[in-house]
Protein backbone atom coordinates (compact mmCIF):
# COMPACT_ATOMS: atom_id res chain seq x y z
CA MET A 1 29.69 -1.37 -70.22
CA GLY A 2 29.58 -4.28 -67.80
CA LEU A 3 33.14 -5.22 -68.66
CA VAL A 4 34.34 -1.62 -68.29
CA LEU A 5 32.67 -1.33 -64.87
CA ARG A 6 34.40 -4.46 -63.64
CA LEU A 7 37.78 -3.41 -65.03
CA VAL A 8 37.46 -0.04 -63.28
CA LEU A 9 36.63 -1.72 -59.97
CA ILE A 10 39.57 -4.11 -60.42
CA TYR A 11 41.89 -1.17 -61.15
CA ILE A 12 40.87 0.73 -58.02
CA PRO A 13 42.89 -0.81 -55.16
CA ARG A 14 40.88 -2.22 -52.27
CA THR A 15 41.72 -4.06 -49.07
CA VAL A 16 42.47 -7.78 -49.38
CA ASP A 17 40.57 -9.85 -46.82
CA TRP A 18 42.57 -12.02 -44.41
CA ASP A 19 40.48 -15.02 -45.48
CA THR A 20 42.16 -14.79 -48.90
CA TRP A 21 45.52 -15.78 -47.43
CA ASP A 22 43.94 -18.69 -45.53
CA TYR A 23 42.40 -19.93 -48.78
CA LEU A 24 45.73 -19.56 -50.56
CA GLU A 25 47.64 -21.43 -47.83
CA LEU A 26 45.20 -24.34 -47.99
CA GLY A 27 45.42 -24.51 -51.78
CA ARG A 28 49.21 -24.24 -51.90
CA ASN A 29 49.66 -27.01 -49.36
CA LEU A 30 47.38 -29.27 -51.36
CA LEU A 31 49.03 -28.44 -54.67
CA HIS A 32 52.66 -28.61 -53.50
CA HIS A 33 52.57 -31.01 -50.55
CA GLY A 34 49.50 -33.15 -51.17
CA THR A 35 47.90 -32.14 -47.86
CA TYR A 36 44.83 -29.93 -47.62
CA GLY A 37 45.73 -28.18 -44.41
CA MET A 38 47.25 -25.23 -42.61
CA GLY A 39 50.85 -24.77 -41.49
CA SER A 40 54.17 -25.76 -43.00
CA GLY A 41 56.86 -28.39 -42.60
CA ALA A 42 56.36 -30.59 -39.56
CA ASN A 43 53.45 -28.37 -38.49
CA LEU A 44 51.44 -29.03 -41.63
CA HIS A 45 48.28 -30.90 -40.66
CA PRO A 46 45.06 -31.73 -42.55
CA SER A 47 42.18 -29.37 -41.96
CA LEU A 48 38.54 -28.94 -42.86
CA PHE A 49 38.76 -25.22 -42.03
CA ARG A 50 37.40 -24.16 -45.44
CA LEU A 51 35.75 -25.89 -48.36
CA PRO A 52 38.19 -26.77 -51.15
CA ALA A 53 36.91 -25.15 -54.35
CA TYR A 54 38.21 -21.60 -53.86
CA PRO A 55 41.55 -22.57 -52.25
CA ILE A 56 42.26 -24.83 -55.21
CA LEU A 57 41.37 -22.02 -57.64
CA LEU A 58 43.67 -19.55 -55.87
CA ALA A 59 46.53 -22.05 -55.79
CA LEU A 60 46.15 -22.73 -59.52
CA PHE A 61 46.28 -19.04 -60.41
CA ASP A 62 49.23 -18.55 -58.06
CA SER A 63 51.05 -21.48 -59.67
CA ILE A 64 50.34 -20.42 -63.26
CA PHE A 65 50.70 -16.64 -62.93
CA GLY A 66 52.85 -16.41 -59.80
CA SER A 67 55.89 -15.19 -61.73
CA LEU A 68 54.10 -12.00 -62.75
CA ALA A 69 55.26 -8.89 -60.90
CA ASN A 70 53.16 -6.98 -58.39
CA SER A 71 50.85 -9.89 -57.52
CA GLY A 72 49.97 -10.33 -61.16
CA TRP A 73 48.40 -13.69 -60.39
CA MET A 74 45.72 -11.90 -58.40
CA VAL A 75 44.97 -9.57 -61.32
CA ALA A 76 44.57 -12.64 -63.54
CA LEU A 77 42.18 -14.07 -60.95
CA TYR A 78 40.15 -10.85 -60.93
CA LEU A 79 39.89 -10.90 -64.73
CA PHE A 80 38.68 -14.51 -64.60
CA GLN A 81 36.09 -13.55 -62.01
CA ALA A 82 34.99 -10.58 -64.13
CA VAL A 83 34.26 -12.98 -66.99
CA ALA A 84 32.39 -15.28 -64.61
CA ASP A 85 30.29 -12.39 -63.32
CA ILE A 86 29.43 -11.27 -66.85
CA ALA A 87 28.49 -14.85 -67.69
CA ALA A 88 26.23 -14.89 -64.62
CA GLY A 89 24.42 -11.81 -65.91
CA LEU A 90 24.01 -13.37 -69.36
CA LEU A 91 22.53 -16.52 -67.80
CA ILE A 92 19.85 -14.74 -65.80
CA ALA A 93 19.10 -12.50 -68.80
CA ALA A 94 18.57 -15.62 -70.92
CA PHE A 95 16.32 -17.01 -68.18
CA ALA A 96 14.22 -13.82 -68.15
CA ARG A 97 14.02 -13.76 -71.94
CA ARG A 98 12.80 -17.37 -72.08
CA PHE A 99 10.30 -17.24 -69.24
CA LEU A 100 9.17 -13.60 -69.27
CA SER A 101 9.73 -11.60 -72.45
CA GLU A 102 12.31 -10.05 -74.73
CA ARG A 103 12.00 -6.75 -72.90
CA ALA A 104 12.46 -8.43 -69.51
CA GLY A 105 15.59 -10.11 -70.83
CA GLU A 106 17.00 -6.75 -71.93
CA ILE A 107 16.23 -5.12 -68.57
CA THR A 108 17.74 -8.07 -66.70
CA LEU A 109 20.89 -7.82 -68.80
CA ALA A 110 21.19 -4.08 -68.14
CA LEU A 111 20.65 -4.44 -64.38
CA ALA A 112 23.09 -7.36 -64.14
CA MET A 113 25.84 -5.65 -66.12
CA LEU A 114 25.55 -2.31 -64.31
CA CYS A 115 24.96 -3.56 -60.76
CA PRO A 116 27.96 -2.22 -58.81
CA PHE A 117 27.49 -4.64 -55.91
CA THR A 118 27.99 -7.85 -57.89
CA ALA A 119 30.59 -6.16 -60.12
CA ALA A 120 32.67 -5.21 -57.07
CA GLU A 121 32.94 -8.86 -56.03
CA ALA A 122 34.86 -9.62 -59.24
CA GLY A 123 37.76 -7.59 -57.84
CA THR A 124 37.77 -9.35 -54.47
CA ALA A 125 39.66 -12.59 -53.82
CA MET A 126 36.78 -14.16 -51.94
CA THR A 127 34.13 -16.76 -52.75
CA GLU A 128 31.23 -14.36 -53.37
CA CYS A 129 31.76 -13.78 -57.10
CA LEU A 130 31.76 -17.47 -58.01
CA SER A 131 28.87 -18.06 -55.59
CA ILE A 132 26.83 -15.51 -57.57
CA PHE A 133 27.77 -17.34 -60.77
CA ALA A 134 26.68 -20.67 -59.24
CA VAL A 135 23.28 -19.24 -58.24
CA SER A 136 22.76 -17.75 -61.72
CA LEU A 137 23.73 -20.97 -63.49
CA GLY A 138 21.53 -23.02 -61.16
CA ILE A 139 18.48 -20.82 -61.81
CA TYR A 140 18.99 -20.88 -65.58
CA ALA A 141 19.52 -24.63 -65.78
CA ALA A 142 16.70 -25.49 -63.35
CA GLY A 143 14.28 -23.40 -65.41
CA ARG A 144 15.16 -25.36 -68.55
CA ALA A 145 14.94 -28.67 -66.69
CA ILE A 146 11.51 -27.87 -65.25
CA ALA A 147 10.17 -26.71 -68.62
CA ALA A 148 11.29 -30.00 -70.16
CA GLU A 149 9.68 -32.02 -67.36
CA GLN A 150 6.40 -30.18 -67.82
CA SER A 151 6.44 -31.02 -71.51
CA GLY A 152 6.89 -34.72 -70.76
CA ALA A 153 10.60 -34.84 -71.63
CA ARG A 154 13.72 -34.87 -69.48
CA ASP A 155 16.56 -32.48 -70.25
CA ILE A 156 19.45 -34.37 -68.68
CA ARG A 157 21.95 -31.71 -69.78
CA ALA A 158 19.99 -29.04 -67.93
CA MET A 159 19.75 -31.32 -64.90
CA LEU A 160 23.51 -31.85 -65.01
CA LEU A 161 24.14 -28.10 -65.27
CA ALA A 162 21.83 -27.36 -62.34
CA ALA A 163 23.50 -30.09 -60.28
CA SER A 164 26.98 -28.82 -61.21
CA ALA A 165 26.01 -25.30 -60.13
CA SER A 166 24.70 -26.68 -56.85
CA ALA A 167 27.88 -28.70 -56.24
CA LEU A 168 30.01 -25.65 -57.00
CA ALA A 169 27.98 -23.55 -54.55
CA MET A 170 28.40 -26.16 -51.81
CA LEU A 171 32.13 -26.60 -52.43
CA LEU A 172 32.65 -22.83 -52.26
CA ARG A 173 30.75 -22.05 -49.05
CA PRO A 174 28.73 -24.06 -46.48
CA ASP A 175 25.70 -21.84 -47.10
CA GLY A 176 25.86 -22.95 -50.73
CA ALA A 177 23.61 -25.84 -49.64
CA ILE A 178 20.75 -23.35 -49.85
CA LEU A 179 20.91 -23.48 -53.66
CA PRO A 180 20.30 -27.23 -54.19
CA ALA A 181 17.59 -27.15 -51.51
CA ALA A 182 15.70 -24.37 -53.34
CA LEU A 183 16.22 -25.93 -56.78
CA ALA A 184 15.00 -29.31 -55.54
CA ILE A 185 11.85 -27.67 -54.21
CA GLY A 186 11.32 -25.96 -57.55
CA ILE A 187 11.90 -29.09 -59.62
CA PHE A 188 9.51 -31.11 -57.45
CA CYS A 189 6.73 -28.53 -57.12
CA TYR A 190 6.63 -27.33 -60.72
CA THR A 191 6.90 -30.82 -62.16
CA LEU A 192 4.06 -31.90 -59.85
CA ARG A 193 1.95 -28.95 -61.03
CA THR A 194 2.01 -30.11 -64.65
CA ARG A 195 -1.55 -30.00 -65.91
CA SER A 196 -2.39 -33.63 -66.45
CA GLN A 197 -5.25 -35.88 -65.42
CA ASN A 198 -2.84 -38.56 -64.24
CA HIS A 199 -1.84 -37.16 -60.83
CA GLY A 200 -0.05 -40.35 -59.84
CA ARG A 201 2.13 -40.09 -62.92
CA ASN A 202 2.89 -36.44 -62.08
CA LEU A 203 3.96 -37.41 -58.58
CA ARG A 204 6.21 -40.20 -59.81
CA ARG A 205 7.74 -37.92 -62.40
CA ALA A 206 8.32 -35.15 -59.84
CA LEU A 207 9.96 -37.57 -57.39
CA ALA A 208 12.15 -39.06 -60.12
CA ALA A 209 13.28 -35.65 -61.40
CA THR A 210 14.08 -34.44 -57.90
CA ALA A 211 15.97 -37.63 -57.10
CA VAL A 212 18.05 -37.39 -60.29
CA PHE A 213 18.93 -33.77 -59.57
CA SER A 214 19.76 -34.42 -55.91
CA LEU A 215 21.97 -37.39 -56.70
CA LEU A 216 23.92 -35.49 -59.33
CA ALA A 217 24.31 -32.46 -57.03
CA LEU A 218 25.56 -34.46 -54.05
CA LEU A 219 28.05 -36.68 -55.88
CA PRO A 220 30.93 -34.13 -55.94
CA THR A 221 30.48 -33.31 -52.25
CA ALA A 222 30.71 -37.03 -51.46
CA VAL A 223 34.42 -36.91 -52.34
CA TRP A 224 34.97 -34.12 -49.78
CA ALA A 225 32.87 -35.96 -47.17
CA ALA A 226 34.87 -39.15 -47.75
CA ARG A 227 38.15 -37.28 -47.29
CA ASN A 228 36.92 -35.81 -44.00
CA TRP A 229 35.88 -39.25 -42.76
CA ILE A 230 39.25 -40.75 -43.67
CA ASP A 231 41.28 -37.93 -42.08
CA PHE A 232 39.12 -37.06 -39.08
CA ARG A 233 36.56 -39.86 -38.64
CA VAL A 234 33.74 -37.31 -38.74
CA PHE A 235 30.80 -36.99 -41.12
CA GLN A 236 31.26 -33.48 -42.47
CA PRO A 237 29.93 -33.01 -46.04
CA LEU A 238 30.43 -29.22 -45.89
CA ALA A 239 32.50 -27.33 -43.29
CA PRO A 240 31.97 -26.61 -39.58
CA ARG A 241 30.48 -23.25 -38.73
CA TYR A 242 32.73 -22.26 -35.84
CA ILE A 243 35.66 -24.62 -35.26
CA ALA A 244 38.49 -25.20 -37.70
CA ASP A 245 39.04 -28.89 -36.97
CA PRO A 246 37.62 -31.66 -34.75
CA GLY A 247 38.82 -31.44 -31.18
CA GLU A 248 38.88 -27.67 -31.05
CA ARG A 249 36.61 -25.94 -28.57
CA ASP A 250 33.54 -24.07 -29.75
CA ASN A 251 32.98 -20.76 -27.94
CA ALA A 252 29.24 -21.37 -27.83
CA GLY A 253 28.73 -19.07 -24.84
CA ILE A 254 30.39 -16.11 -26.55
CA HIS A 255 28.41 -16.73 -29.73
CA ARG A 256 25.13 -16.81 -27.83
CA TRP A 257 26.00 -13.69 -25.86
CA LEU A 258 26.69 -11.86 -29.14
CA ARG A 259 23.32 -12.98 -30.51
CA THR A 260 21.58 -11.31 -27.54
CA TRP A 261 22.51 -7.84 -28.87
CA SER A 262 24.51 -7.93 -32.14
CA ILE A 263 22.49 -6.79 -35.15
CA GLU A 264 24.89 -4.80 -37.35
CA TYR A 265 28.14 -4.95 -39.25
CA VAL A 266 29.81 -2.34 -37.01
CA SER A 267 29.55 -4.71 -34.05
CA THR A 268 31.08 -7.46 -36.17
CA ALA A 269 34.06 -5.26 -37.03
CA ASN A 270 34.57 -3.73 -33.59
CA VAL A 271 33.79 -6.68 -31.31
CA TRP A 272 33.52 -10.07 -33.03
CA TRP A 273 36.72 -9.77 -35.03
CA HIS A 274 38.60 -8.86 -31.82
CA VAL A 275 37.57 -11.98 -29.89
CA GLY A 276 40.70 -14.04 -29.21
CA GLU A 277 42.83 -11.60 -31.22
CA ALA A 278 42.79 -8.15 -29.58
CA THR A 279 41.24 -6.12 -26.82
CA ILE A 280 37.55 -5.23 -26.92
CA ASP A 281 36.79 -1.57 -26.32
CA PRO A 282 33.76 -1.40 -23.97
CA ALA A 283 32.77 1.84 -25.72
CA ASN A 284 31.95 -0.24 -28.80
CA LEU A 285 29.21 -2.12 -26.95
CA PRO A 286 25.81 -0.55 -27.68
CA THR A 287 23.34 0.20 -24.90
CA ARG A 288 21.21 -2.79 -25.98
CA ALA A 289 24.02 -5.05 -24.70
CA PHE A 290 22.89 -4.27 -21.13
CA ASP A 291 19.46 -4.76 -19.55
CA SER A 292 20.25 -2.99 -16.26
CA PRO A 293 23.01 -1.04 -14.52
CA ALA A 294 23.98 -4.18 -12.61
CA GLN A 295 24.23 -6.18 -15.81
CA ARG A 296 26.29 -3.40 -17.37
CA GLU A 297 28.80 -3.61 -14.53
CA GLN A 298 28.87 -7.40 -14.82
CA THR A 299 29.50 -7.21 -18.58
CA LEU A 300 32.21 -4.57 -18.32
CA ALA A 301 33.97 -6.58 -15.62
CA LEU A 302 33.91 -9.65 -17.87
CA ILE A 303 35.28 -7.64 -20.80
CA ALA A 304 38.03 -6.22 -18.57
CA ASP A 305 39.04 -9.72 -17.44
CA TYR A 306 39.14 -10.88 -21.06
CA ASN A 307 41.26 -7.88 -22.11
CA ARG A 308 43.93 -8.83 -19.59
CA VAL A 309 44.55 -12.27 -21.14
CA LEU A 310 43.19 -11.94 -24.71
CA SER A 311 42.09 -15.58 -24.77
CA THR A 312 38.77 -17.39 -24.93
CA SER A 313 39.21 -20.12 -22.33
CA ALA A 314 36.45 -22.49 -21.26
CA ALA A 315 36.03 -20.48 -18.06
CA PHE A 316 35.46 -17.24 -19.95
CA ASP A 317 33.08 -18.96 -22.33
CA ALA A 318 31.05 -20.29 -19.41
CA ARG A 319 30.75 -16.79 -17.93
CA PHE A 320 29.56 -15.40 -21.27
CA ALA A 321 27.10 -18.32 -21.55
CA ALA A 322 25.64 -17.52 -18.10
CA LEU A 323 25.26 -13.86 -19.06
CA ALA A 324 23.58 -14.83 -22.35
CA ALA A 325 21.18 -17.21 -20.59
CA GLU A 326 20.15 -14.44 -18.19
CA ARG A 327 19.43 -12.06 -21.07
CA VAL A 328 17.52 -14.64 -23.13
CA GLN A 329 15.38 -15.66 -20.17
CA ALA A 330 14.53 -12.02 -19.44
CA HIS A 331 13.67 -11.12 -23.06
CA PRO A 332 12.90 -14.24 -25.16
CA ILE A 333 10.86 -12.38 -27.80
CA ARG A 334 13.69 -9.93 -28.35
CA TYR A 335 16.18 -12.79 -28.76
CA TYR A 336 14.08 -15.06 -30.96
CA VAL A 337 12.08 -12.51 -32.99
CA TRP A 338 13.20 -8.88 -33.03
CA LEU A 339 16.97 -9.26 -33.13
CA PRO A 340 16.88 -11.85 -35.98
CA ILE A 341 14.62 -9.54 -38.00
CA LEU A 342 16.98 -6.61 -37.43
CA ARG A 343 19.97 -8.74 -38.46
CA ILE A 344 18.25 -9.61 -41.73
CA GLY A 345 17.46 -5.96 -42.35
CA ASP A 346 21.03 -4.86 -41.66
CA GLN A 347 22.53 -7.40 -44.04
CA VAL A 348 20.04 -6.75 -46.84
CA PHE A 349 19.71 -2.96 -46.66
CA ARG A 350 22.98 -1.65 -45.17
CA PRO A 351 25.18 0.29 -47.64
CA ARG A 352 27.76 -2.20 -48.90
CA THR A 353 30.74 -0.32 -47.56
CA ASP A 354 33.05 -3.33 -47.33
CA GLU A 355 33.07 -3.98 -51.09
CA PHE A 356 34.17 -0.38 -51.73
CA SER A 357 36.60 0.03 -48.80
CA LEU A 358 34.39 2.57 -47.05
CA GLU A 359 34.33 2.99 -43.28
CA PRO A 360 31.76 0.80 -41.47
CA ASN A 361 30.70 3.92 -39.53
CA TRP A 362 29.53 5.48 -42.77
CA TRP A 363 27.16 7.94 -41.08
CA ALA A 364 30.00 9.98 -39.48
CA TRP A 365 29.43 12.99 -41.76
CA SER A 366 31.58 15.42 -39.75
CA THR A 367 34.77 13.37 -40.18
CA ARG A 368 34.22 11.67 -43.55
CA PRO A 369 31.66 13.60 -45.65
CA GLY A 370 32.80 12.04 -48.93
CA GLN A 371 32.49 8.48 -47.63
CA THR A 372 29.15 9.27 -46.03
CA THR A 373 27.81 10.61 -49.34
CA ALA A 374 29.08 7.57 -51.24
CA ALA A 375 27.59 5.19 -48.67
CA ILE A 376 24.20 6.91 -48.78
CA LEU A 377 24.10 6.70 -52.57
CA LEU A 378 25.07 3.03 -52.48
CA GLY A 379 22.43 2.40 -49.82
CA LEU A 380 19.72 4.07 -51.90
CA LEU A 381 20.72 2.07 -54.97
CA ASN A 382 20.67 -1.14 -52.95
CA LEU A 383 17.22 -0.21 -51.61
CA ALA A 384 15.99 0.38 -55.17
CA PHE A 385 17.05 -3.13 -56.22
CA VAL A 386 15.37 -4.74 -53.21
CA ALA A 387 12.18 -2.66 -53.48
CA ALA A 388 11.78 -3.38 -57.19
CA ALA A 389 12.36 -7.08 -56.55
CA ALA A 390 9.77 -7.12 -53.77
CA TRP A 391 7.28 -5.43 -56.11
CA GLY A 392 7.92 -8.09 -58.73
CA PHE A 393 7.10 -10.85 -56.24
CA LEU A 394 4.05 -9.02 -54.86
CA CYS A 395 2.67 -8.51 -58.37
CA ARG A 396 3.21 -12.22 -59.09
CA ARG A 397 5.36 -11.44 -62.12
CA VAL A 398 8.36 -13.53 -61.09
CA PRO A 399 8.71 -16.87 -62.92
CA PHE A 400 9.13 -19.95 -60.75
CA ALA A 401 8.41 -17.78 -57.72
CA TRP A 402 8.25 -20.74 -55.33
CA MET A 403 11.77 -21.80 -56.26
CA LEU A 404 13.31 -18.34 -56.25
CA GLY A 405 11.34 -17.29 -53.19
CA ALA A 406 12.45 -20.43 -51.35
CA TYR A 407 16.08 -19.50 -51.96
CA LEU A 408 15.51 -16.02 -50.51
CA LEU A 409 13.62 -17.37 -47.49
CA PHE A 410 16.36 -19.93 -46.74
CA ARG A 411 19.02 -17.24 -47.11
CA PHE A 412 17.15 -14.82 -44.83
CA ALA A 413 16.67 -17.57 -42.24
CA LEU A 414 20.43 -18.10 -42.23
CA LEU A 415 21.12 -14.37 -41.93
CA ALA A 416 18.86 -14.23 -38.89
CA THR A 417 21.06 -16.68 -36.98
CA LEU A 418 24.41 -14.95 -37.52
CA GLU A 419 25.97 -13.38 -34.45
CA ALA A 420 28.43 -11.56 -36.74
CA PRO A 421 26.31 -9.93 -39.49
CA GLU A 422 28.02 -8.90 -42.73
CA PRO A 423 26.23 -7.50 -45.79
CA ARG A 424 28.30 -9.73 -48.08
CA TYR A 425 26.34 -12.73 -46.83
CA SER A 426 23.30 -11.45 -48.74
CA ILE A 427 25.06 -10.72 -52.04
CA GLN A 428 24.09 -14.17 -53.39
CA CYS A 429 20.48 -12.92 -53.41
CA PHE A 430 21.22 -10.41 -56.17
CA PRO A 431 20.65 -12.68 -59.19
CA ILE A 432 17.11 -13.16 -57.86
CA PHE A 433 16.74 -9.48 -56.92
CA ILE A 434 17.76 -8.55 -60.48
CA LEU A 435 15.36 -11.04 -62.08
CA ALA A 436 12.45 -9.96 -59.90
CA ALA A 437 13.21 -6.27 -60.45
CA ALA A 438 13.30 -6.80 -64.21
CA ALA A 439 9.97 -8.62 -64.00
CA ALA A 440 8.49 -5.61 -62.21
CA LEU A 441 10.02 -3.03 -64.56
CA SER A 442 9.28 -4.74 -67.86
CA VAL A 443 6.11 -3.96 -69.78
CA ARG A 444 4.58 -7.41 -69.85
CA PHE A 445 2.25 -6.85 -72.76
CA SER A 446 4.76 -5.19 -75.04
CA ASP A 447 5.44 -8.27 -77.13
CA THR A 448 3.84 -11.54 -78.10
CA ALA A 449 5.98 -13.71 -75.82
CA ALA A 450 4.60 -11.98 -72.76
CA ASN A 451 1.00 -12.79 -73.66
CA VAL A 452 1.26 -16.57 -73.59
CA THR A 453 0.42 -18.61 -70.49
CA PRO A 454 3.56 -18.82 -68.33
CA PRO A 455 5.48 -22.06 -68.94
CA TRP A 456 5.63 -22.84 -65.22
CA ASP A 457 1.82 -23.11 -65.20
CA ASP A 458 0.92 -24.84 -68.46
CA GLN A 459 2.63 -27.72 -70.19
CA ASN A 460 1.12 -26.68 -73.52
CA SER A 461 2.60 -23.18 -73.67
CA PRO A 462 4.79 -22.28 -76.64
CA ALA A 463 7.75 -21.60 -74.37
CA VAL A 464 7.66 -25.15 -73.00
CA ARG A 465 7.33 -26.67 -76.45
CA LYS A 466 10.31 -24.61 -77.54
CA SER A 467 12.34 -25.70 -74.53
CA SER A 468 11.62 -29.38 -75.08
CA SER A 469 12.70 -29.20 -78.71
CA ASP A 470 15.92 -27.19 -78.19
């Protein structure tokens, strides 16, 4: 059923994101010209615009399957991603089966296979699908590694798998660094919590395990960091957040101004994506973008001046920075507390219209009743996943809750800072949402495995002994 769902979503045509073509250009230039950069001919220059894993993957599929008609190479890519997404579901189901119960494993498998949000990413030529796979593999492997550490052994294969998943996450997206950070916390804390009288030995073992994992995880990114130092003389182990390459100007003033009012995906689509590319319609600015009639006039005048030249010069950026400073000074709590919370809520709970090519203004029932209905149903389903996951954490049923919870907290902290919110930035949370929801929905005392002391608490549990002998 999971495979059928993904094949159906691949068959239904959806919009291809512009980032896909940037990834492909980077990969093609590396594969055919030996330069990881943008442009062609004499205008081809090295770049650190995007991390290299996905561009290389796209270029390989284009090279191998490029002769197929009707962009057949992209269909081959989607099929590969469908397999990766199914594998991700199998990994978290195996994790739930080992550390919760047989029933929890079955529920996890069902939720993972039938989740339309992760399944939709398989038919999108973007990094999200493989990022979900990396998170799932990291969780599975870290669980095995921790269980071995608590039993007094060291599962170097599990450590290597967890590190490989972390490296993959970091080489796909800059926010992939959240995964190794959360896994390192889990490996350290749960190894330290091993029930032993020798606390000094526990500390040494926890430090050693964390160091081994961290070293293995960072080694692949060292190659990318070395390349960036050689080409640009900058220390950049991931990718810059705003600029494409060193020397380019960062529109910090515009970014800060957006953070003084932007909380939803509609603003991203109607305002942020127009900056430096097209005119900004003042009607798309919500009332929260102005604190007074005078400030409204000031903002509209600035937008009008920008619309005449369609460029983000240093002078324009300085004017936006002054406007942002005025708004932050007048309402610091709004800027530092309420708006970040609302951004998190929008990216976690908003109906995932982008994955299904629905209009961002999904609530416009009078003009698009079908899309509004579909968006509401998707939103309710998304809410059900999040609510069930929250219940699993609140009931303390989630295994390795510190590690999985740390990943969610780090991800939410990142979402809070984004001046251009998009729901797809929270899709990497779904392996954890699915695990936690399965923990809440499973009947914990329905089989023998659920009655033993959890392996993350007791080194003598049967599950840990089993893990150390596998």
